[in-house]
Amino acid sequence: MTLEFIDNYLNSKLAENKEIIRFSFYEVRMKLNLSEEDSIIFLQLIAQKLMNTGYLVYKTGETYTYKGKTQEILDNELLVAIKK
């Protein structure tokens, strides 16, 4: 896992939807085939990049409000970022 890989993956997620970005357990651990340790690093770097570009970042178990609805991040979601 390189910084280039992280940037490219984040850019592909941003291309899908710039308002709200979600990272699920399945996506990070199975699809990307990251170990538990690499998953933690990956999500930390992604979260930092998103916060630096104006996103609010939430992790499993936290609640957030999006389009007037309050939601809790589910167990299968690792990270949700919402554009301020």
C-alpha atoms as a PDB file:
ATOM      1  CA  MET A   1       0.000   0.000   0.000  1.00  0.00           C
ATOM      2  CA  THR A   2       1.505   3.281  -1.135  1.00  0.00           C
ATOM      3  CA  LEU A   3       0.419   6.910  -0.832  1.00  0.00           C
ATOM      4  CA  GLU A   4      -0.216   6.854  -4.567  1.00  0.00           C
ATOM      5  CA  PHE A   5      -2.600   3.898  -4.100  1.00  0.00           C
ATOM      6  CA  ILE A   6      -4.436   5.780  -1.328  1.00  0.00           C
ATOM      7  CA  ASP A   7      -4.697   8.964  -3.430  1.00  0.00           C
ATOM      8  CA  ASN A   8      -5.949   7.060  -6.468  1.00  0.00           C
ATOM      9  CA  TYR A   9      -8.534   5.152  -4.452  1.00  0.00           C
ATOM     10  CA  LEU A  10      -9.767   8.304  -2.726  1.00  0.00           C
ATOM     11  CA  ASN A  11      -9.998  10.097  -6.071  1.00  0.00           C
ATOM     12  CA  SER A  12     -12.121   7.257  -7.455  1.00  0.00           C
ATOM     13  CA  LYS A  13     -14.465   7.540  -4.458  1.00  0.00           C
ATOM     14  CA  LEU A  14     -14.695  11.317  -4.924  1.00  0.00           C
ATOM     15  CA  ALA A  15     -15.559  10.799  -8.586  1.00  0.00           C
ATOM     16  CA  GLU A  16     -18.541   8.672  -7.507  1.00  0.00           C
ATOM     17  CA  ASN A  17     -19.956  11.159  -4.986  1.00  0.00           C
ATOM     18  CA  LYS A  18     -18.320  14.305  -3.560  1.00  0.00           C
ATOM     19  CA  GLU A  19     -21.018  14.978  -0.943  1.00  0.00           C
ATOM     20  CA  ILE A  20     -20.795  11.771   1.084  1.00  0.00           C
ATOM     21  CA  ILE A  21     -18.108   9.103   0.987  1.00  0.00           C
ATOM     22  CA  ARG A  22     -18.423   5.712   2.666  1.00  0.00           C
ATOM     23  CA  PHE A  23     -15.869   3.016   3.360  1.00  0.00           C
ATOM     24  CA  SER A  24     -17.250  -0.370   4.397  1.00  0.00           C
ATOM     25  CA  PHE A  25     -15.530  -3.257   6.143  1.00  0.00           C
ATOM     26  CA  TYR A  26     -16.039  -5.449   3.073  1.00  0.00           C
ATOM     27  CA  GLU A  27     -14.560  -2.840   0.754  1.00  0.00           C
ATOM     28  CA  VAL A  28     -11.435  -2.193   2.837  1.00  0.00           C
ATOM     29  CA  ARG A  29     -10.661  -5.668   4.141  1.00  0.00           C
ATOM     30  CA  MET A  30     -11.944  -7.929   1.357  1.00  0.00           C
ATOM     31  CA  LYS A  31     -12.050  -5.935  -1.885  1.00  0.00           C
ATOM     32  CA  LEU A  32      -8.782  -4.084  -1.232  1.00  0.00           C
ATOM     33  CA  ASN A  33      -7.356  -7.101   0.615  1.00  0.00           C
ATOM     34  CA  LEU A  34      -5.812  -5.015   3.399  1.00  0.00           C
ATOM     35  CA  SER A  35      -4.696  -6.556   6.657  1.00  0.00           C
ATOM     36  CA  GLU A  36      -6.135  -5.228   9.911  1.00  0.00           C
ATOM     37  CA  GLU A  37      -3.004  -3.127  10.485  1.00  0.00           C
ATOM     38  CA  ASP A  38      -2.984  -1.782   6.910  1.00  0.00           C
ATOM     39  CA  SER A  39      -6.717  -1.042   7.168  1.00  0.00           C
ATOM     40  CA  ILE A  40      -6.140   1.134  10.221  1.00  0.00           C
ATOM     41  CA  ILE A  41      -3.340   3.053   8.508  1.00  0.00           C
ATOM     42  CA  PHE A  42      -5.359   3.357   5.287  1.00  0.00           C
ATOM     43  CA  LEU A  43      -8.379   4.780   7.101  1.00  0.00           C
ATOM     44  CA  GLN A  44      -6.256   7.166   9.184  1.00  0.00           C
ATOM     45  CA  LEU A  45      -4.615   8.585   6.079  1.00  0.00           C
ATOM     46  CA  ILE A  46      -7.931   8.793   4.207  1.00  0.00           C
ATOM     47  CA  ALA A  47      -9.573  10.539   7.175  1.00  0.00           C
ATOM     48  CA  GLN A  48      -6.751  13.077   7.405  1.00  0.00           C
ATOM     49  CA  LYS A  49      -6.875  13.836   3.686  1.00  0.00           C
ATOM     50  CA  LEU A  50     -10.644  14.266   3.819  1.00  0.00           C
ATOM     51  CA  MET A  51     -10.530  16.533   6.878  1.00  0.00           C
ATOM     52  CA  ASN A  52      -7.842  18.652   5.183  1.00  0.00           C
ATOM     53  CA  THR A  53     -10.154  19.156   2.205  1.00  0.00           C
ATOM     54  CA  GLY A  54     -13.259  20.208   4.132  1.00  0.00           C
ATOM     55  CA  TYR A  55     -14.999  16.981   5.118  1.00  0.00           C
ATOM     56  CA  LEU A  56     -16.425  15.967   8.473  1.00  0.00           C
ATOM     57  CA  VAL A  57     -15.287  12.412   9.200  1.00  0.00           C
ATOM     58  CA  TYR A  58     -17.203   9.883  11.294  1.00  0.00           C
ATOM     59  CA  LYS A  59     -16.282   6.360  12.352  1.00  0.00           C
ATOM     60  CA  THR A  60     -18.186   3.229  13.388  1.00  0.00           C
ATOM     61  CA  GLY A  61     -20.690   3.880  16.173  1.00  0.00           C
ATOM     62  CA  GLU A  62     -20.769   7.664  15.748  1.00  0.00           C
ATOM     63  CA  THR A  63     -23.819   9.591  14.573  1.00  0.00           C
ATOM     64  CA  TYR A  64     -24.012  12.210  11.862  1.00  0.00           C
ATOM     65  CA  THR A  65     -26.637  14.356  10.172  1.00  0.00           C
ATOM     66  CA  TYR A  66     -26.954  14.299   6.407  1.00  0.00           C
ATOM     67  CA  LYS A  67     -29.730  16.055   4.500  1.00  0.00           C
ATOM     68  CA  GLY A  68     -31.659  16.626   7.723  1.00  0.00           C
ATOM     69  CA  LYS A  69     -31.575  13.002   8.859  1.00  0.00           C
ATOM     70  CA  THR A  70     -29.537  11.795  11.813  1.00  0.00           C
ATOM     71  CA  GLN A  71     -27.968   8.389  11.256  1.00  0.00           C
ATOM     72  CA  GLU A  72     -25.613   6.125  13.155  1.00  0.00           C
ATOM     73  CA  ILE A  73     -22.693   4.565  11.367  1.00  0.00           C
ATOM     74  CA  LEU A  74     -23.399   0.849  11.163  1.00  0.00           C
ATOM     75  CA  ASP A  75     -21.039  -1.893  12.293  1.00  0.00           C
ATOM     76  CA  ASN A  76     -20.173  -2.771   8.693  1.00  0.00           C
ATOM     77  CA  GLU A  77     -19.192   0.849   7.888  1.00  0.00           C
ATOM     78  CA  LEU A  78     -15.730   1.927   8.947  1.00  0.00           C
ATOM     79  CA  LEU A  79     -15.773   5.557   7.870  1.00  0.00           C
ATOM     80  CA  VAL A  80     -18.227   8.112   6.490  1.00  0.00           C
ATOM     81  CA  ALA A  81     -17.159  11.562   5.324  1.00  0.00           C
ATOM     82  CA  ILE A  82     -19.553  14.419   4.587  1.00  0.00           C
ATOM     83  CA  LYS A  83     -18.622  17.616   2.756  1.00  0.00           C
ATOM     84  CA  LYS A  84     -19.091  20.684   5.009  1.00  0.00           C
END
